[in-house]
Amino acid sequence: MKIEKYELTKKNIYNVYLSNGEVLELNGKVITDNELLIKKDIDNELYDKLKRDNTICMLMDTSVKYIDRRLRSINELRDYLKNKEEDTIIIEEVIDKLIDYKYLDDDRFTKAFIKDKLNFTNWGDYKIKNELKRLGVNEEIIYNNISNIDDNIYYERINKIIDKKRSDQHKRNLFKPLKTKQEIINSHNPNHWIISEIPHIKWFTEPHGRKMFTKFYRRLATEQKLLRRSEEVIQIGKKTIKFKGIGIPIR
């Protein structure tokens, strides 16, 4: 096959007219990389290479635009490309190129993700970790970055949520356990923060707060089954009460 002419259709995209009547749509980079302006003949091997190179070039451009909107994890981009290309070998080649060009870096992505969630949401380590795992980030990378978060951030968040409930709701309906549970438990590590921190938050030292705190813990233990050790009693305050083996601090 011979190349008969080129026609620019849009930015850096050309129609390449062949002698057999076929028209190839090629990126300008593919044309220059394969020296088509010098070569006039295209054999079957070069033809297949041009189509493959053009697919990779197209996916590279699409990926860069996708990443430019916000940083992406490697697996997140992989899933995105699977909707555009069936050849997994080509997809992995595109990903390797993007890693080499520093467009993809799961450690950098994780740092940026954590920073955004801490600055613009009430998410805690528990929810951040689960979302990063869903996005396919390696657990070692997640742990190394999560462990660097200042613990005071979580304490202030929980305190803020509870203070907001106190100011927003009527005294007789001061605390909605299920809703607050979703905001706190699902966002933060329950074993660490609900057991060791919430009893010391000032709101729970008030009479009404103690009552609702006990109610909150009962629902937490029975509905979410986050604490499963049947014989353990946790001693935090001066007294404890037991239900299904769980110690409930009372002050």
Protein backbone atom coordinates (compact mmCIF):
# COMPACT_ATOMS: atom_id res chain seq x y z
CA MET A 1 0.00 0.00 0.00
CA LYS A 2 1.14 3.50 -0.77
CA ILE A 3 0.40 6.70 1.08
CA GLU A 4 -1.38 9.07 -1.27
CA LYS A 5 -2.04 12.11 0.93
CA TYR A 6 -2.46 13.52 4.44
CA GLU A 7 -5.36 15.59 5.69
CA LEU A 8 -5.38 17.46 9.02
CA THR A 9 -8.79 16.91 10.64
CA LYS A 10 -8.27 18.32 14.13
CA LYS A 11 -5.43 19.24 16.40
CA ASN A 12 -2.52 16.89 15.59
CA ILE A 13 -4.87 14.25 14.11
CA TYR A 14 -4.51 13.33 10.44
CA ASN A 15 -6.38 11.23 7.92
CA VAL A 16 -3.86 9.19 5.95
CA TYR A 17 -5.24 8.12 2.58
CA LEU A 18 -3.92 4.81 1.24
CA SER A 19 -3.83 3.50 -2.31
CA ASN A 20 -6.29 0.70 -1.50
CA GLY A 21 -8.94 3.28 -0.62
CA GLU A 22 -8.54 2.91 3.16
CA VAL A 23 -8.19 5.96 5.39
CA LEU A 24 -6.16 5.72 8.59
CA GLU A 25 -6.73 8.26 11.35
CA LEU A 26 -3.32 8.75 12.98
CA ASN A 27 -1.88 10.99 15.65
CA GLY A 28 0.87 13.28 14.38
CA LYS A 29 3.32 11.70 16.84
CA VAL A 30 2.71 8.27 15.30
CA ILE A 31 3.40 9.70 11.84
CA THR A 32 6.71 11.28 12.87
CA ASP A 33 7.87 8.38 15.10
CA ASN A 34 7.40 5.94 12.21
CA GLU A 35 8.90 8.34 9.64
CA LEU A 36 5.87 8.16 7.38
CA LEU A 37 6.77 11.47 5.76
CA ILE A 38 9.86 9.73 4.38
CA LYS A 39 8.41 6.29 3.77
CA LYS A 40 5.78 6.06 1.07
CA ASP A 41 5.05 2.35 1.25
CA ILE A 42 3.26 0.59 4.10
CA ASP A 43 3.57 -3.19 4.41
CA ASN A 44 1.38 -5.36 6.64
CA GLU A 45 3.86 -5.31 9.53
CA LEU A 46 4.09 -1.51 9.52
CA TYR A 47 0.33 -1.24 9.09
CA ASP A 48 -0.28 -3.29 12.27
CA LYS A 49 2.35 -1.28 14.12
CA LEU A 50 0.75 2.02 13.12
CA LYS A 51 -2.64 0.92 14.43
CA ARG A 52 -1.15 -0.30 17.70
CA ASP A 53 0.99 2.81 18.20
CA ASN A 54 -2.00 5.01 17.49
CA THR A 55 -4.12 3.19 20.08
CA ILE A 56 -1.41 3.65 22.69
CA CYS A 57 -1.03 7.31 21.78
CA MET A 58 -4.77 7.88 22.01
CA LEU A 59 -4.98 6.14 25.41
CA MET A 60 -2.00 8.15 26.67
CA ASP A 61 -3.71 11.42 25.75
CA THR A 62 -6.99 10.28 27.30
CA SER A 63 -5.24 9.16 30.48
CA VAL A 64 -3.33 12.41 30.92
CA LYS A 65 -6.57 14.38 30.64
CA TYR A 66 -8.21 12.05 33.15
CA ILE A 67 -5.32 12.50 35.59
CA ASP A 68 -5.25 16.26 35.09
CA ARG A 69 -8.72 16.54 36.65
CA ARG A 70 -7.27 15.05 39.85
CA LEU A 71 -4.60 12.53 40.76
CA ARG A 72 -5.52 8.87 40.23
CA SER A 73 -4.32 5.60 41.66
CA ILE A 74 -2.79 3.09 39.28
CA ASN A 75 -5.68 0.68 39.66
CA GLU A 76 -8.24 3.47 39.27
CA LEU A 77 -6.71 4.38 35.90
CA ARG A 78 -6.52 0.72 34.90
CA ASP A 79 -10.27 0.32 35.47
CA TYR A 80 -10.89 3.50 33.49
CA LEU A 81 -8.87 2.24 30.52
CA LYS A 82 -10.64 -1.12 30.52
CA ASN A 83 -13.78 0.74 29.43
CA LYS A 84 -11.91 2.05 26.40
CA GLU A 85 -9.64 -0.80 25.34
CA GLU A 86 -9.98 -4.60 25.50
CA ASP A 87 -6.29 -5.44 24.99
CA THR A 88 -4.87 -5.72 28.51
CA ILE A 89 -1.29 -5.82 27.18
CA ILE A 90 -1.76 -2.38 25.61
CA ILE A 91 -3.36 -1.09 28.82
CA GLU A 92 -0.40 -2.23 30.91
CA GLU A 93 2.03 -0.68 28.43
CA VAL A 94 0.20 2.64 28.73
CA ILE A 95 0.29 2.41 32.54
CA ASP A 96 4.03 1.64 32.50
CA LYS A 97 4.67 4.69 30.34
CA LEU A 98 2.61 6.90 32.64
CA ILE A 99 4.56 5.62 35.66
CA ASP A 100 7.85 6.32 33.86
CA TYR A 101 6.66 9.83 33.00
CA LYS A 102 5.65 10.38 36.67
CA TYR A 103 1.96 10.81 35.90
CA LEU A 104 1.16 7.83 38.13
CA ASP A 105 2.55 7.33 41.63
CA ASP A 106 0.46 5.59 44.28
CA ASP A 107 2.47 7.03 47.16
CA ARG A 108 2.00 10.58 45.90
CA PHE A 109 -1.66 9.86 45.19
CA THR A 110 -2.18 8.54 48.74
CA LYS A 111 -0.58 11.60 50.33
CA ALA A 112 -2.77 13.93 48.25
CA PHE A 113 -5.91 11.86 48.94
CA ILE A 114 -5.35 11.93 52.71
CA LYS A 115 -4.62 15.65 52.68
CA ASP A 116 -7.82 16.42 50.75
CA LYS A 117 -10.01 14.28 53.02
CA LEU A 118 -8.54 15.78 56.18
CA ASN A 119 -8.91 19.33 54.89
CA PHE A 120 -12.32 19.16 53.25
CA THR A 121 -14.27 16.34 54.93
CA ASN A 122 -14.87 14.78 58.34
CA TRP A 123 -13.36 11.49 57.23
CA GLY A 124 -11.13 9.67 59.70
CA ASP A 125 -8.40 7.08 59.26
CA TYR A 126 -10.86 4.18 59.08
CA LYS A 127 -12.87 5.58 56.19
CA ILE A 128 -9.79 6.92 54.38
CA LYS A 129 -8.08 3.54 54.61
CA ASN A 130 -11.12 1.67 53.27
CA GLU A 131 -11.51 4.04 50.34
CA LEU A 132 -7.81 3.79 49.43
CA LYS A 133 -8.08 0.00 49.53
CA ARG A 134 -11.11 0.20 47.25
CA LEU A 135 -9.02 2.28 44.83
CA GLY A 136 -6.43 -0.50 44.73
CA VAL A 137 -3.62 1.16 46.67
CA ASN A 138 -1.11 -1.22 48.24
CA GLU A 139 -1.75 -1.72 51.98
CA GLU A 140 1.86 -0.94 52.88
CA ILE A 141 1.62 2.44 51.16
CA ILE A 142 -1.68 3.12 52.95
CA TYR A 143 -0.26 2.17 56.36
CA ASN A 144 2.92 4.23 55.93
CA ASN A 145 0.89 7.34 55.14
CA ILE A 146 -2.01 6.81 57.57
CA SER A 147 0.44 6.32 60.45
CA ASN A 148 1.83 9.81 59.86
CA ILE A 149 -1.49 11.55 60.61
CA ASP A 150 -1.53 13.53 63.85
CA ASP A 151 -3.85 11.79 66.35
CA ASN A 152 -5.14 15.15 67.59
CA ILE A 153 -6.87 15.65 64.24
CA TYR A 154 -9.17 12.69 64.91
CA TYR A 155 -9.93 13.74 68.46
CA GLU A 156 -10.86 17.25 67.31
CA ARG A 157 -13.08 15.83 64.58
CA ILE A 158 -15.06 13.64 66.94
CA ASN A 159 -15.38 16.49 69.39
CA LYS A 160 -16.59 18.77 66.62
CA ILE A 161 -19.26 16.30 65.47
CA ILE A 162 -20.63 15.85 68.98
CA ASP A 163 -20.56 19.58 69.75
CA LYS A 164 -22.49 20.22 66.55
CA LYS A 165 -25.15 17.69 67.57
CA ARG A 166 -25.41 19.38 70.92
CA SER A 167 -25.98 22.83 69.44
CA ASP A 168 -28.24 21.75 66.59
CA GLN A 169 -30.73 19.59 68.42
CA HIS A 170 -33.25 20.20 71.19
CA LYS A 171 -32.13 19.18 74.65
CA ARG A 172 -34.67 16.35 74.95
CA ASN A 173 -33.53 14.99 71.62
CA LEU A 174 -29.93 15.99 72.01
CA PHE A 175 -28.23 13.00 70.53
CA LYS A 176 -29.27 10.62 67.72
CA PRO A 177 -27.10 7.54 68.33
CA LEU A 178 -27.52 5.83 64.96
CA LYS A 179 -26.77 8.92 62.91
CA THR A 180 -23.83 9.98 65.03
CA LYS A 181 -22.57 6.41 64.99
CA GLN A 182 -22.44 6.52 61.20
CA GLU A 183 -20.55 9.80 61.23
CA ILE A 184 -17.99 8.68 63.80
CA ILE A 185 -17.73 4.89 63.71
CA ASN A 186 -17.70 4.56 59.94
CA SER A 187 -15.10 7.29 59.66
CA HIS A 188 -12.67 6.39 62.44
CA ASN A 189 -11.07 3.22 63.73
CA PRO A 190 -13.72 1.99 66.22
CA ASN A 191 -11.39 -0.07 68.36
CA HIS A 192 -9.13 2.88 68.98
CA TRP A 193 -11.27 5.96 69.14
CA ILE A 194 -14.69 4.84 70.31
CA ILE A 195 -13.27 2.85 73.21
CA SER A 196 -10.45 5.12 74.37
CA GLU A 197 -11.43 8.65 73.36
CA ILE A 198 -15.18 9.23 73.32
CA PRO A 199 -15.68 8.63 77.07
CA HIS A 200 -13.34 11.53 77.79
CA ILE A 201 -15.07 14.07 75.55
CA LYS A 202 -16.64 16.74 77.76
CA TRP A 203 -20.17 16.30 76.39
CA PHE A 204 -20.40 12.77 77.74
CA THR A 205 -19.69 13.92 81.30
CA GLU A 206 -23.09 15.63 81.46
CA PRO A 207 -26.06 13.68 82.93
CA HIS A 208 -28.04 13.55 79.69
CA GLY A 209 -24.90 12.76 77.76
CA ARG A 210 -24.08 9.75 79.99
CA LYS A 211 -27.55 8.33 79.38
CA MET A 212 -27.32 8.73 75.62
CA PHE A 213 -23.75 7.46 75.60
CA THR A 214 -24.90 4.17 77.18
CA LYS A 215 -27.74 3.92 74.65
CA PHE A 216 -25.30 4.65 71.85
CA TYR A 217 -22.96 1.88 72.98
CA ARG A 218 -25.73 -0.68 73.22
CA ARG A 219 -26.79 -0.04 69.63
CA LEU A 220 -23.20 0.02 68.48
CA ALA A 221 -22.42 -3.37 70.01
CA THR A 222 -25.63 -5.13 68.93
CA GLU A 223 -26.10 -3.70 65.44
CA GLN A 224 -22.58 -3.32 64.10
CA LYS A 225 -20.98 -6.16 66.12
CA LEU A 226 -17.74 -4.23 66.23
CA LEU A 227 -16.82 -5.70 69.62
CA ARG A 228 -17.09 -9.47 69.75
CA ARG A 229 -15.13 -10.55 72.82
CA SER A 230 -17.86 -12.00 75.03
CA GLU A 231 -16.08 -11.99 78.41
CA GLU A 232 -14.06 -8.78 78.37
CA VAL A 233 -14.89 -5.89 80.64
CA ILE A 234 -13.33 -2.55 79.76
CA GLN A 235 -12.53 -0.40 82.77
CA ILE A 236 -12.18 3.28 81.86
CA GLY A 237 -14.10 5.18 84.50
CA LYS A 238 -14.69 4.30 88.13
CA LYS A 239 -17.50 1.90 87.30
CA THR A 240 -18.56 -0.37 84.50
CA ILE A 241 -21.78 -2.08 83.53
CA LYS A 242 -21.99 -5.20 81.42
CA PHE A 243 -24.19 -6.26 78.55
CA LYS A 244 -23.20 -9.18 76.36
CA GLY A 245 -19.77 -8.99 77.94
CA ILE A 246 -19.06 -5.37 76.99
CA GLY A 247 -18.04 -2.91 79.70
CA ILE A 248 -19.78 0.47 79.51
CA PRO A 249 -17.99 3.26 81.39
CA ILE A 250 -20.20 5.38 83.66
CA ARG A 251 -18.99 8.49 85.46
